[in-house]
Amino acid sequence: MLELTMAAVSGTEEGATAGMLMADAPSDPGAVLRVGRDRAVCRLVTPDDWLFVSRAHLEFVCGADGTWQLTWLRGSQPDPSSEVRLTIDGYTQPVAYGGTVPLPRGGSGEVVIQDRMSPRSINVGFYHEV
């Protein structure tokens, strides 16, 4: 099972967890969890007016072997208005626009979508239960 928690954080609310949202999915091949502004396709939905987040921004997909991967989906613009970082075990790495990275089996971490123009972010914590 993959469990996600999401918080929208502005510069004045650093560390705030008010309005935290949660979603989970079993580690079945083909299971998908998405994060973005479009309620029709995303399980975790960001504020409508936070346009640095695409309609479908992040996608977590379970592979045939029960492991999960994270993809930063390409949006309608050639250059994104955000940055995405993945932190696992204290190590932070950027995620490329349109890139995919594996998540550790039985691990946890955080994905941050950072607005390039304002001190706002979407923080998505994950826990992959084995």
C-alpha atoms as a PDB file:
ATOM      1  CA  MET A   1       0.000   0.000   0.000  1.00  0.00           C
ATOM      2  CA  LEU A   2       1.129   3.540  -0.754  1.00  0.00           C
ATOM      3  CA  GLU A   3      -0.110   6.236   1.604  1.00  0.00           C
ATOM      4  CA  LEU A   4       0.087   9.935   0.692  1.00  0.00           C
ATOM      5  CA  THR A   5      -0.469  13.045   2.800  1.00  0.00           C
ATOM      6  CA  MET A   6      -0.594  16.499   1.225  1.00  0.00           C
ATOM      7  CA  ALA A   7      -0.436  20.012   2.650  1.00  0.00           C
ATOM      8  CA  ALA A   8      -0.548  23.341   0.814  1.00  0.00           C
ATOM      9  CA  VAL A   9       1.981  25.681   2.467  1.00  0.00           C
ATOM     10  CA  SER A  10       2.451  29.405   1.888  1.00  0.00           C
ATOM     11  CA  GLY A  11       5.402  31.417   3.196  1.00  0.00           C
ATOM     12  CA  THR A  12       3.378  32.608   6.177  1.00  0.00           C
ATOM     13  CA  GLU A  13       2.303  29.071   7.131  1.00  0.00           C
ATOM     14  CA  GLU A  14       5.688  27.297   7.098  1.00  0.00           C
ATOM     15  CA  GLY A  15       5.254  23.934   8.773  1.00  0.00           C
ATOM     16  CA  ALA A  16       1.462  24.214   8.966  1.00  0.00           C
ATOM     17  CA  THR A  17      -0.552  21.038   8.576  1.00  0.00           C
ATOM     18  CA  ALA A  18      -4.025  22.561   8.567  1.00  0.00           C
ATOM     19  CA  GLY A  19      -6.080  21.261   5.687  1.00  0.00           C
ATOM     20  CA  MET A  20      -3.914  18.183   5.252  1.00  0.00           C
ATOM     21  CA  LEU A  21      -5.373  15.685   2.772  1.00  0.00           C
ATOM     22  CA  MET A  22      -4.717  11.944   2.606  1.00  0.00           C
ATOM     23  CA  ALA A  23      -5.059   9.224  -0.032  1.00  0.00           C
ATOM     24  CA  ASP A  24      -3.901   5.636  -0.360  1.00  0.00           C
ATOM     25  CA  ALA A  25      -3.903   2.782  -2.836  1.00  0.00           C
ATOM     26  CA  PRO A  26      -2.996  -0.897  -2.609  1.00  0.00           C
ATOM     27  CA  SER A  27       0.298  -1.953  -4.194  1.00  0.00           C
ATOM     28  CA  ASP A  28      -1.488  -3.687  -7.060  1.00  0.00           C
ATOM     29  CA  PRO A  29       0.051  -3.498 -10.554  1.00  0.00           C
ATOM     30  CA  GLY A  30      -1.383  -0.524 -12.414  1.00  0.00           C
ATOM     31  CA  ALA A  31      -2.678   1.313  -9.316  1.00  0.00           C
ATOM     32  CA  VAL A  32      -2.406   5.095  -9.759  1.00  0.00           C
ATOM     33  CA  LEU A  33      -2.546   8.116  -7.444  1.00  0.00           C
ATOM     34  CA  ARG A  34      -2.335  11.628  -8.942  1.00  0.00           C
ATOM     35  CA  VAL A  35      -1.748  15.079  -7.436  1.00  0.00           C
ATOM     36  CA  GLY A  36      -2.904  18.249  -9.218  1.00  0.00           C
ATOM     37  CA  ARG A  37      -5.706  20.788  -9.672  1.00  0.00           C
ATOM     38  CA  ASP A  38      -8.144  18.593 -11.647  1.00  0.00           C
ATOM     39  CA  ARG A  39     -10.640  16.900  -9.319  1.00  0.00           C
ATOM     40  CA  ALA A  40     -11.736  14.541 -12.115  1.00  0.00           C
ATOM     41  CA  VAL A  41      -8.356  12.764 -12.345  1.00  0.00           C
ATOM     42  CA  CYS A  42      -6.497  13.560  -9.100  1.00  0.00           C
ATOM     43  CA  ARG A  43      -6.997  11.942  -5.692  1.00  0.00           C
ATOM     44  CA  LEU A  44      -5.152  14.804  -3.976  1.00  0.00           C
ATOM     45  CA  VAL A  45      -6.316  18.187  -5.245  1.00  0.00           C
ATOM     46  CA  THR A  46      -4.401  21.426  -4.765  1.00  0.00           C
ATOM     47  CA  PRO A  47      -5.964  24.921  -4.514  1.00  0.00           C
ATOM     48  CA  ASP A  48      -7.567  25.930  -7.837  1.00  0.00           C
ATOM     49  CA  ASP A  49      -5.749  29.258  -8.008  1.00  0.00           C
ATOM     50  CA  TRP A  50      -2.261  27.791  -7.412  1.00  0.00           C
ATOM     51  CA  LEU A  51      -1.432  27.759 -11.105  1.00  0.00           C
ATOM     52  CA  PHE A  52       2.182  26.637 -10.566  1.00  0.00           C
ATOM     53  CA  VAL A  53       0.614  23.179 -10.190  1.00  0.00           C
ATOM     54  CA  SER A  54      -0.655  21.529 -13.386  1.00  0.00           C
ATOM     55  CA  ARG A  55      -4.102  19.974 -13.727  1.00  0.00           C
ATOM     56  CA  ALA A  56      -2.344  16.616 -13.227  1.00  0.00           C
ATOM     57  CA  HIS A  57       1.131  17.336 -11.854  1.00  0.00           C
ATOM     58  CA  LEU A  58       2.442  14.225 -10.095  1.00  0.00           C
ATOM     59  CA  GLU A  59       1.594  10.612 -10.786  1.00  0.00           C
ATOM     60  CA  PHE A  60       2.408   7.680  -8.523  1.00  0.00           C
ATOM     61  CA  VAL A  61       2.104   4.336 -10.379  1.00  0.00           C
ATOM     62  CA  CYS A  62       2.519   0.813  -9.040  1.00  0.00           C
ATOM     63  CA  GLY A  63       4.540  -1.499 -11.277  1.00  0.00           C
ATOM     64  CA  ALA A  64       4.109  -5.210 -11.977  1.00  0.00           C
ATOM     65  CA  ASP A  65       6.402  -6.126  -9.065  1.00  0.00           C
ATOM     66  CA  GLY A  66       4.484  -4.018  -6.503  1.00  0.00           C
ATOM     67  CA  THR A  67       6.978  -1.167  -6.384  1.00  0.00           C
ATOM     68  CA  TRP A  68       5.929   2.441  -6.917  1.00  0.00           C
ATOM     69  CA  GLN A  69       7.389   5.159  -9.101  1.00  0.00           C
ATOM     70  CA  LEU A  70       6.849   8.907  -9.212  1.00  0.00           C
ATOM     71  CA  THR A  71       6.476  10.863 -12.468  1.00  0.00           C
ATOM     72  CA  TRP A  72       6.363  14.645 -12.830  1.00  0.00           C
ATOM     73  CA  LEU A  73       3.858  14.836 -15.680  1.00  0.00           C
ATOM     74  CA  ARG A  74       4.560  17.349 -18.426  1.00  0.00           C
ATOM     75  CA  GLY A  75       1.950  20.103 -18.529  1.00  0.00           C
ATOM     76  CA  SER A  76       0.727  22.299 -21.362  1.00  0.00           C
ATOM     77  CA  GLN A  77       3.679  24.715 -21.056  1.00  0.00           C
ATOM     78  CA  PRO A  78       7.195  23.918 -22.334  1.00  0.00           C
ATOM     79  CA  ASP A  79       8.759  25.371 -19.163  1.00  0.00           C
ATOM     80  CA  PRO A  80       7.215  24.626 -15.766  1.00  0.00           C
ATOM     81  CA  SER A  81       6.478  27.363 -13.219  1.00  0.00           C
ATOM     82  CA  SER A  82       7.496  25.065 -10.392  1.00  0.00           C
ATOM     83  CA  GLU A  83      10.298  22.792  -9.264  1.00  0.00           C
ATOM     84  CA  VAL A  84       9.834  19.282  -7.859  1.00  0.00           C
ATOM     85  CA  ARG A  85      12.160  17.789  -5.247  1.00  0.00           C
ATOM     86  CA  LEU A  86      12.152  14.312  -3.725  1.00  0.00           C
ATOM     87  CA  THR A  87      13.593  13.683  -0.245  1.00  0.00           C
ATOM     88  CA  ILE A  88      14.287  10.148   0.989  1.00  0.00           C
ATOM     89  CA  ASP A  89      16.359   9.343   4.086  1.00  0.00           C
ATOM     90  CA  GLY A  90      17.562  12.948   4.361  1.00  0.00           C
ATOM     91  CA  TYR A  91      18.825  13.031   0.765  1.00  0.00           C
ATOM     92  CA  THR A  92      17.108  15.523  -1.573  1.00  0.00           C
ATOM     93  CA  GLN A  93      17.191  15.252  -5.358  1.00  0.00           C
ATOM     94  CA  PRO A  94      15.455  17.249  -8.072  1.00  0.00           C
ATOM     95  CA  VAL A  95      12.922  15.469 -10.261  1.00  0.00           C
ATOM     96  CA  ALA A  96      13.220  16.357 -13.939  1.00  0.00           C
ATOM     97  CA  TYR A  97      10.230  17.865 -15.745  1.00  0.00           C
ATOM     98  CA  GLY A  98       8.617  14.814 -17.345  1.00  0.00           C
ATOM     99  CA  GLY A  99      10.989  12.543 -15.397  1.00  0.00           C
ATOM    100  CA  THR A 100      10.290   9.356 -13.449  1.00  0.00           C
ATOM    101  CA  VAL A 101      12.014   8.104 -10.295  1.00  0.00           C
ATOM    102  CA  PRO A 102      11.477   4.870  -8.329  1.00  0.00           C
ATOM    103  CA  LEU A 103      10.309   5.000  -4.718  1.00  0.00           C
ATOM    104  CA  PRO A 104      11.953   2.713  -2.168  1.00  0.00           C
ATOM    105  CA  ARG A 105      10.016  -0.385  -1.227  1.00  0.00           C
ATOM    106  CA  GLY A 106       8.937  -0.070   2.385  1.00  0.00           C
ATOM    107  CA  GLY A 107      10.300   3.480   2.536  1.00  0.00           C
ATOM    108  CA  SER A 108       8.993   6.939   3.192  1.00  0.00           C
ATOM    109  CA  GLY A 109       9.839  10.462   2.138  1.00  0.00           C
ATOM    110  CA  GLU A 110       8.496  13.732   0.817  1.00  0.00           C
ATOM    111  CA  VAL A 111       7.874  15.291  -2.580  1.00  0.00           C
ATOM    112  CA  VAL A 112       7.770  19.099  -2.707  1.00  0.00           C
ATOM    113  CA  ILE A 113       6.277  21.102  -5.572  1.00  0.00           C
ATOM    114  CA  GLN A 114       7.797  24.574  -5.126  1.00  0.00           C
ATOM    115  CA  ASP A 115       6.405  27.676  -6.835  1.00  0.00           C
ATOM    116  CA  ARG A 116       9.257  29.472  -8.639  1.00  0.00           C
ATOM    117  CA  MET A 117       7.628  32.912  -8.246  1.00  0.00           C
ATOM    118  CA  SER A 118       6.285  32.856  -4.682  1.00  0.00           C
ATOM    119  CA  PRO A 119       7.023  31.223  -1.308  1.00  0.00           C
ATOM    120  CA  ARG A 120       4.332  28.566  -1.786  1.00  0.00           C
ATOM    121  CA  SER A 121       4.620  24.807  -2.008  1.00  0.00           C
ATOM    122  CA  ILE A 122       2.652  21.603  -2.080  1.00  0.00           C
ATOM    123  CA  ASN A 123       4.244  19.065   0.259  1.00  0.00           C
ATOM    124  CA  VAL A 124       3.347  15.411  -0.342  1.00  0.00           C
ATOM    125  CA  GLY A 125       4.576  12.878   2.178  1.00  0.00           C
ATOM    126  CA  PHE A 126       4.581   9.216   1.187  1.00  0.00           C
ATOM    127  CA  TYR A 127       4.889   5.902   2.961  1.00  0.00           C
ATOM    128  CA  HIS A 128       5.172   2.636   1.050  1.00  0.00           C
ATOM    129  CA  GLU A 129       3.903  -0.117   3.324  1.00  0.00           C
ATOM    130  CA  VAL A 130       5.252  -3.551   2.446  1.00  0.00           C
END
